[in-house]
């Protein structure tokens, strides 16, 4: 690119429960808030061409296929070569775009990024990371679903990649990296946990040891590493508990005229809390280890989530995330 500030993000207009309306809303907001941002929007001609015509710094790339949520991810990527996801990944591979965002099929996004964009040299397995709001600074948790079965060397790489992301996107100068386990002692947990703890202690700068599940929401570490099976269970549990608690608080505050009055006086603080806990503010889950920035949005992504994802994508590109990861993984 001609400038370190100029960033081109490819965006899948067809992915997500609320597509294309929410995607277009998010793209418009991102463009309005970043004068050095350019967007290439991929999707159906009736959706992308009129939008691009009415927005500066936006280019339409028409695609004729869409990968559906119930399509087999790898097969769909191989057969639907003119889908909005595959074309977006190809734009990054060919250097036309710096980053790609989609709120479509997570499996298809992973397959396209791995098979088309390609992995960073030396990365054994890309990992999906997510940013968890806490009582303090947010935490990067990975892997949350890309790799159900892992080896210690995989978790070591996850720690390095997560630390790079925390530095560039969250602004943590010296990330504290922890291993998710059932106890703090180095001898606790599965064989994978024990061996990973030993390897990280020896080879990972910033490693502070084990943390337990209850430590995730407290900000006990800046980066928490685990295998994709455990990470996905932990993430879904946190999402479910957060949604349930917020719902119960709302029900309690609306139970009587007195509590409704009290709720009215607390509207400001409650709104601030809800905003701080809103995952839409962090934009999506980066697939780390790919040779180009790739952000996967939640299927229910709103316009705000799409805008945040594009903002995070641009921030990662400007911070040279791919190069930083390559440097940390290089032997």
Protein backbone atom coordinates (compact mmCIF):
# COMPACT_ATOMS: atom_id res chain seq x y z
CA UNK A 1 0.00 0.00 0.00
CA UNK A 2 1.13 3.54 -0.63
CA UNK A 3 0.68 4.66 2.96
CA UNK A 4 0.89 2.99 6.33
CA UNK A 5 -2.42 4.71 7.17
CA UNK A 6 -4.30 3.64 4.05
CA UNK A 7 -6.01 0.29 4.57
CA UNK A 8 -8.21 -1.73 2.23
CA UNK A 9 -10.67 -4.09 3.92
CA UNK A 10 -12.71 -6.61 1.94
CA UNK A 11 -16.16 -7.15 3.46
CA UNK A 12 -18.63 -9.96 2.75
CA UNK A 13 -22.02 -8.29 2.26
CA UNK A 14 -23.94 -11.56 2.30
CA UNK A 15 -22.80 -13.11 5.60
CA UNK A 16 -24.78 -13.02 8.84
CA UNK A 17 -28.33 -13.26 10.13
CA UNK A 18 -28.97 -9.57 9.44
CA UNK A 19 -27.17 -9.33 6.10
CA UNK A 20 -27.01 -7.40 3.96
CA UNK A 21 -28.66 -4.50 5.84
CA UNK A 22 -26.49 -4.72 8.98
CA UNK A 23 -23.32 -5.19 6.93
CA UNK A 24 -24.01 -2.15 4.77
CA UNK A 25 -24.85 -0.09 7.86
CA UNK A 26 -21.55 -1.10 9.46
CA UNK A 27 -19.52 -0.38 6.33
CA UNK A 28 -21.06 3.08 6.01
CA UNK A 29 -20.26 3.87 9.64
CA UNK A 30 -16.68 2.60 9.35
CA UNK A 31 -16.06 4.68 6.21
CA UNK A 32 -17.48 7.77 7.89
CA UNK A 33 -15.15 7.39 10.86
CA UNK A 34 -11.90 6.58 9.04
CA UNK A 35 -10.85 8.80 6.14
CA UNK A 36 -7.93 6.49 5.27
CA UNK A 37 -10.13 3.41 5.00
CA UNK A 38 -11.19 1.83 1.72
CA UNK A 39 -13.68 -1.02 1.50
CA UNK A 40 -14.15 -3.63 -1.19
CA UNK A 41 -17.59 -5.11 -0.67
CA UNK A 42 -18.31 -8.55 -2.14
CA UNK A 43 -21.74 -9.93 -2.87
CA UNK A 44 -24.83 -9.91 -5.05
CA UNK A 45 -24.90 -7.19 -7.71
CA UNK A 46 -28.23 -5.81 -6.52
CA UNK A 47 -26.73 -5.32 -3.05
CA UNK A 48 -23.19 -4.11 -3.57
CA UNK A 49 -23.24 -2.02 -6.74
CA UNK A 50 -25.76 0.60 -5.66
CA UNK A 51 -24.14 0.84 -2.22
CA UNK A 52 -20.66 1.36 -3.67
CA UNK A 53 -21.99 3.97 -6.10
CA UNK A 54 -23.34 6.02 -3.21
CA UNK A 55 -20.31 5.77 -0.92
CA UNK A 56 -16.85 7.17 -1.58
CA UNK A 57 -13.85 4.89 -1.00
CA UNK A 58 -16.04 1.83 -1.55
CA UNK A 59 -15.69 -0.58 -4.47
CA UNK A 60 -18.08 -3.37 -5.40
CA UNK A 61 -16.94 -6.82 -6.47
CA UNK A 62 -19.94 -8.75 -7.71
CA UNK A 63 -20.18 -12.43 -6.81
CA UNK A 64 -22.73 -14.94 -8.02
CA UNK A 65 -22.72 -17.48 -5.17
CA UNK A 66 -23.30 -17.47 -1.42
CA UNK A 67 -22.07 -20.03 1.11
CA UNK A 68 -24.97 -20.95 3.35
CA UNK A 69 -24.73 -21.75 7.05
CA UNK A 70 -25.64 -25.40 6.47
CA UNK A 71 -23.13 -25.91 3.64
CA UNK A 72 -20.15 -28.13 4.42
CA UNK A 73 -17.41 -25.49 4.94
CA UNK A 74 -14.44 -26.99 3.09
CA UNK A 75 -16.57 -28.41 0.27
CA UNK A 76 -18.37 -25.10 -0.19
CA UNK A 77 -15.09 -23.20 -0.37
CA UNK A 78 -13.81 -25.61 -3.03
CA UNK A 79 -16.99 -25.66 -5.13
CA UNK A 80 -18.43 -22.16 -4.70
CA UNK A 81 -15.42 -20.34 -6.09
CA UNK A 82 -17.42 -17.21 -6.88
CA UNK A 83 -18.95 -16.88 -3.41
CA UNK A 84 -18.57 -13.69 -1.40
CA UNK A 85 -16.39 -15.44 1.21
CA UNK A 86 -14.04 -17.12 -1.26
CA UNK A 87 -13.63 -13.97 -3.34
CA UNK A 88 -12.90 -11.94 -0.19
CA UNK A 89 -10.19 -14.36 0.89
CA UNK A 90 -8.74 -14.30 -2.62
CA UNK A 91 -8.53 -10.50 -2.56
CA UNK A 92 -6.32 -10.71 0.53
CA UNK A 93 -4.19 -13.48 -0.98
CA UNK A 94 -3.62 -11.44 -4.14
CA UNK A 95 -2.69 -8.30 -2.21
CA UNK A 96 -5.70 -6.32 -3.42
CA UNK A 97 -7.05 -6.08 0.15
CA UNK A 98 -5.19 -6.00 3.45
CA UNK A 99 -7.91 -7.67 5.51
CA UNK A 100 -11.19 -9.57 5.18
CA UNK A 101 -14.30 -9.57 7.35
CA UNK A 102 -17.34 -11.83 7.19
CA UNK A 103 -20.17 -12.66 9.57
CA UNK A 104 -21.02 -15.73 7.51
CA UNK A 105 -20.25 -19.38 8.20
CA UNK A 106 -17.36 -19.58 10.67
CA UNK A 107 -16.23 -22.89 9.21
CA UNK A 108 -16.25 -21.51 5.67
CA UNK A 109 -14.34 -18.39 6.75
CA UNK A 110 -11.72 -20.59 8.42
CA UNK A 111 -11.48 -22.88 5.40
CA UNK A 112 -11.19 -19.98 2.96
CA UNK A 113 -8.55 -18.25 5.04
CA UNK A 114 -6.53 -21.45 5.45
CA UNK A 115 -6.90 -22.87 1.93
CA UNK A 116 -6.85 -19.62 -0.06
CA UNK A 117 -5.18 -16.85 1.93
CA UNK A 118 -2.75 -19.32 3.51
CA UNK A 119 -0.93 -19.60 6.82
CA UNK A 120 2.01 -17.57 8.01
CA UNK A 121 5.21 -19.57 7.52
CA UNK A 122 5.93 -21.56 10.66
CA UNK A 123 2.39 -21.47 12.05
CA UNK A 124 1.27 -25.03 12.68
CA UNK A 125 -2.41 -24.20 13.27
CA UNK A 126 -4.29 -20.92 13.03
CA UNK A 127 -6.39 -20.11 16.10
CA UNK A 128 -9.60 -18.18 16.65
CA UNK A 129 -9.23 -15.54 19.34
CA UNK A 130 -11.91 -13.51 21.05
CA UNK A 131 -11.83 -10.48 23.30
CA UNK A 132 -13.59 -11.01 26.64
CA UNK A 133 -14.82 -7.96 28.60
CA UNK A 134 -13.79 -8.13 32.25
CA UNK A 135 -14.04 -6.05 35.41
CA UNK A 136 -10.78 -4.46 34.24
CA UNK A 137 -9.05 -4.41 30.84
CA UNK A 138 -10.36 -6.93 28.29
CA UNK A 139 -8.75 -10.35 27.87
CA UNK A 140 -7.78 -12.22 24.70
CA UNK A 141 -8.95 -15.85 24.90
CA UNK A 142 -7.74 -18.41 22.33
CA UNK A 143 -8.32 -20.88 20.80
CA UNK A 144 -12.12 -20.75 20.91
CA UNK A 145 -13.00 -23.29 18.27
CA UNK A 146 -10.53 -23.83 15.46
CA UNK A 147 -8.60 -26.74 17.01
CA UNK A 148 -10.40 -29.20 19.26
CA UNK A 149 -7.28 -31.33 19.72
CA UNK A 150 -3.93 -29.66 20.34
CA UNK A 151 -0.33 -30.37 21.20
CA UNK A 152 1.81 -28.32 23.61
CA UNK A 153 3.64 -26.64 20.73
CA UNK A 154 0.29 -25.47 19.33
CA UNK A 155 -0.61 -23.82 22.63
CA UNK A 156 2.81 -22.19 22.75
CA UNK A 157 2.19 -20.62 19.35
CA UNK A 158 -1.30 -19.54 20.42
CA UNK A 159 0.29 -17.69 23.33
CA UNK A 160 2.70 -15.87 21.04
CA UNK A 161 -0.01 -14.93 18.54
CA UNK A 162 -2.41 -13.83 21.27
CA UNK A 163 0.27 -11.63 22.79
CA UNK A 164 0.89 -9.94 19.44
CA UNK A 165 -2.83 -9.24 19.08
CA UNK A 166 -3.09 -7.86 22.62
CA UNK A 167 -0.19 -5.50 21.95
CA UNK A 168 -1.47 -4.15 18.65
CA UNK A 169 -5.26 -4.08 19.11
CA UNK A 170 -5.64 -3.68 22.88
CA UNK A 171 -2.51 -1.62 23.48
CA UNK A 172 -1.00 -3.90 26.14
CA UNK A 173 2.72 -3.22 26.18
CA UNK A 174 3.78 -6.39 28.02
CA UNK A 175 0.95 -8.95 27.92
CA UNK A 176 0.59 -11.40 30.80
CA UNK A 177 -0.06 -14.81 29.26
CA UNK A 178 -1.71 -17.66 31.17
CA UNK A 179 -2.77 -21.23 30.53
CA UNK A 180 -6.39 -22.16 31.30
CA UNK A 181 -6.42 -25.11 33.72
CA UNK A 182 -8.30 -26.65 36.64
CA UNK A 183 -5.78 -25.37 39.19
CA UNK A 184 -2.90 -22.97 39.56
CA UNK A 185 -0.27 -25.59 40.31
CA UNK A 186 2.00 -26.64 37.45
CA UNK A 187 1.23 -30.31 38.12
CA UNK A 188 -2.56 -29.90 37.78
CA UNK A 189 -4.70 -30.82 34.79
CA UNK A 190 -4.44 -33.10 31.79
CA UNK A 191 -1.22 -34.32 30.26
CA UNK A 192 -1.61 -31.60 27.63
CA UNK A 193 -1.90 -28.93 30.32
CA UNK A 194 1.09 -30.21 32.29
CA UNK A 195 3.34 -30.46 29.22
CA UNK A 196 2.14 -27.11 27.88
CA UNK A 197 2.87 -25.41 31.21
CA UNK A 198 6.43 -26.72 31.16
CA UNK A 199 6.99 -25.64 27.55
CA UNK A 200 5.51 -22.17 28.10
CA UNK A 201 7.55 -21.64 31.25
CA UNK A 202 10.67 -22.37 29.26
CA UNK A 203 9.86 -20.62 25.98
CA UNK A 204 7.15 -17.95 26.36
CA UNK A 205 7.98 -14.41 27.42
CA UNK A 206 5.30 -13.03 29.73
CA UNK A 207 3.97 -16.43 30.85
CA UNK A 208 2.55 -16.19 34.38
CA UNK A 209 1.33 -19.78 34.84
CA UNK A 210 -2.10 -21.35 35.14
CA UNK A 211 -5.43 -19.62 35.68
CA UNK A 212 -8.83 -21.19 36.33
CA UNK A 213 -12.14 -20.57 34.59
CA UNK A 214 -13.27 -18.19 37.32
CA UNK A 215 -10.25 -16.00 36.57
CA UNK A 216 -11.30 -15.23 32.97
CA UNK A 217 -13.76 -12.42 33.84
CA UNK A 218 -11.45 -10.87 36.44
CA UNK A 219 -8.64 -9.86 34.10
CA UNK A 220 -6.09 -12.06 35.87
CA UNK A 221 -4.16 -12.25 32.58
CA UNK A 222 -4.14 -10.30 29.33
CA UNK A 223 -4.02 -13.45 27.18
CA UNK A 224 -5.46 -16.84 28.17
CA UNK A 225 -4.54 -19.89 26.13
CA UNK A 226 -6.36 -23.20 25.78
CA UNK A 227 -7.36 -25.79 23.19
CA UNK A 228 -10.29 -25.02 20.89
CA UNK A 229 -12.70 -27.44 22.55
CA UNK A 230 -12.21 -26.04 26.05
CA UNK A 231 -12.08 -22.45 24.79
CA UNK A 232 -15.35 -22.78 22.90
CA UNK A 233 -17.12 -24.26 25.93
CA UNK A 234 -15.75 -21.49 28.15
CA UNK A 235 -16.80 -18.79 25.68
CA UNK A 236 -20.34 -20.11 25.27
CA UNK A 237 -20.69 -20.42 29.05
CA UNK A 238 -19.58 -16.81 29.56
CA UNK A 239 -21.96 -15.59 26.87
CA UNK A 240 -24.85 -17.54 28.37
CA UNK A 241 -24.20 -16.41 31.94
CA UNK A 242 -23.82 -12.78 30.88
CA UNK A 243 -27.08 -12.82 28.93
CA UNK A 244 -28.92 -14.60 31.74
CA UNK A 245 -27.68 -12.26 34.47
CA UNK A 246 -28.47 -9.12 32.51
CA UNK A 247 -31.94 -10.48 31.82
CA UNK A 248 -32.53 -11.32 35.48
CA UNK A 249 -31.38 -7.86 36.58
CA UNK A 250 -33.76 -6.27 34.08
CA UNK A 251 -36.67 -8.43 35.28
CA UNK A 252 -35.90 -7.59 38.91
CA UNK A 253 -35.75 -3.87 38.22
CA UNK A 254 -39.11 -3.98 36.39
CA UNK A 255 -40.89 -6.09 39.08
CA UNK A 256 -42.60 -3.32 41.08
CA UNK A 257 -43.29 0.42 40.79
CA UNK A 258 -40.58 1.06 43.39
CA UNK A 259 -37.93 -0.95 41.52
CA UNK A 260 -38.95 0.73 38.25
CA UNK A 261 -38.32 4.10 39.87
CA UNK A 262 -34.96 2.91 41.13
CA UNK A 263 -34.13 1.58 37.65
CA UNK A 264 -34.89 4.98 36.14
CA UNK A 265 -32.33 6.63 38.41
CA UNK A 266 -29.75 3.98 37.45
CA UNK A 267 -30.37 4.14 33.71
CA UNK A 268 -27.08 5.89 32.97
CA UNK A 269 -24.79 3.52 34.90
CA UNK A 270 -26.67 0.47 33.58
CA UNK A 271 -26.30 1.73 30.01
CA UNK A 272 -22.57 2.21 30.54
CA UNK A 273 -22.25 -1.31 31.98
CA UNK A 274 -24.19 -2.85 29.10
CA UNK A 275 -22.04 -0.98 26.60
CA UNK A 276 -18.83 -2.15 28.26
CA UNK A 277 -19.99 -5.76 28.24
CA UNK A 278 -21.30 -5.62 24.68
CA UNK A 279 -19.21 -7.94 22.45
CA UNK A 280 -20.20 -5.83 19.43
CA UNK A 281 -17.69 -3.24 20.63
CA UNK A 282 -14.82 -5.64 19.83
CA UNK A 283 -16.07 -6.49 16.37
CA UNK A 284 -15.47 -10.18 15.93
CA UNK A 285 -12.97 -12.97 16.34
CA UNK A 286 -9.60 -12.70 14.59
CA UNK A 287 -8.26 -15.86 12.97
CA UNK A 288 -4.63 -15.58 14.00
CA UNK A 289 -1.83 -17.22 12.02
CA UNK A 290 -3.25 -16.38 8.59
CA UNK A 291 -1.09 -14.53 6.06
CA UNK A 292 -3.33 -11.47 6.19
CA UNK A 293 -5.82 -10.10 8.69
CA UNK A 294 -9.02 -12.16 8.87
CA UNK A 295 -11.88 -11.28 11.24
CA UNK A 296 -14.89 -13.57 11.70
CA UNK A 297 -18.06 -11.90 12.94
CA UNK A 298 -20.82 -13.45 15.00
CA UNK A 299 -23.76 -14.67 12.93
CA UNK A 300 -26.01 -12.17 14.69
CA UNK A 301 -23.65 -9.24 14.05
CA UNK A 302 -25.32 -5.84 14.13
CA UNK A 303 -24.24 -2.76 12.22
CA UNK A 304 -22.21 -1.73 15.24
CA UNK A 305 -20.42 -5.09 15.31
CA UNK A 306 -19.58 -4.85 11.60
CA UNK A 307 -18.24 -1.31 12.01
CA UNK A 308 -16.16 -2.39 15.01
CA UNK A 309 -14.78 -5.37 13.09
CA UNK A 310 -13.69 -3.18 10.21
CA UNK A 311 -12.10 -0.74 12.65
CA UNK A 312 -10.21 -3.57 14.38
CA UNK A 313 -9.15 -4.96 11.00
CA UNK A 314 -7.66 -1.61 10.02
CA UNK A 315 -5.96 -1.28 13.40
CA UNK A 316 -4.40 -4.74 13.03
CA UNK A 317 -3.14 -3.93 9.54
CA UNK A 318 -1.67 -0.61 10.60
CA UNK A 319 0.00 -2.30 13.54
CA UNK A 320 1.48 -4.90 11.17
CA UNK A 321 -0.10 -7.82 13.04
CA UNK A 322 0.78 -10.39 10.38
CA UNK A 323 4.43 -9.35 10.37
CA UNK A 324 4.57 -9.30 14.17
CA UNK A 325 3.21 -12.84 14.38
CA UNK A 326 5.62 -14.01 11.69
CA UNK A 327 8.52 -12.56 13.67
CA UNK A 328 7.45 -14.25 16.91
CA UNK A 329 6.89 -17.64 15.27
CA UNK A 330 10.06 -17.65 13.16
CA UNK A 331 12.63 -20.16 14.43
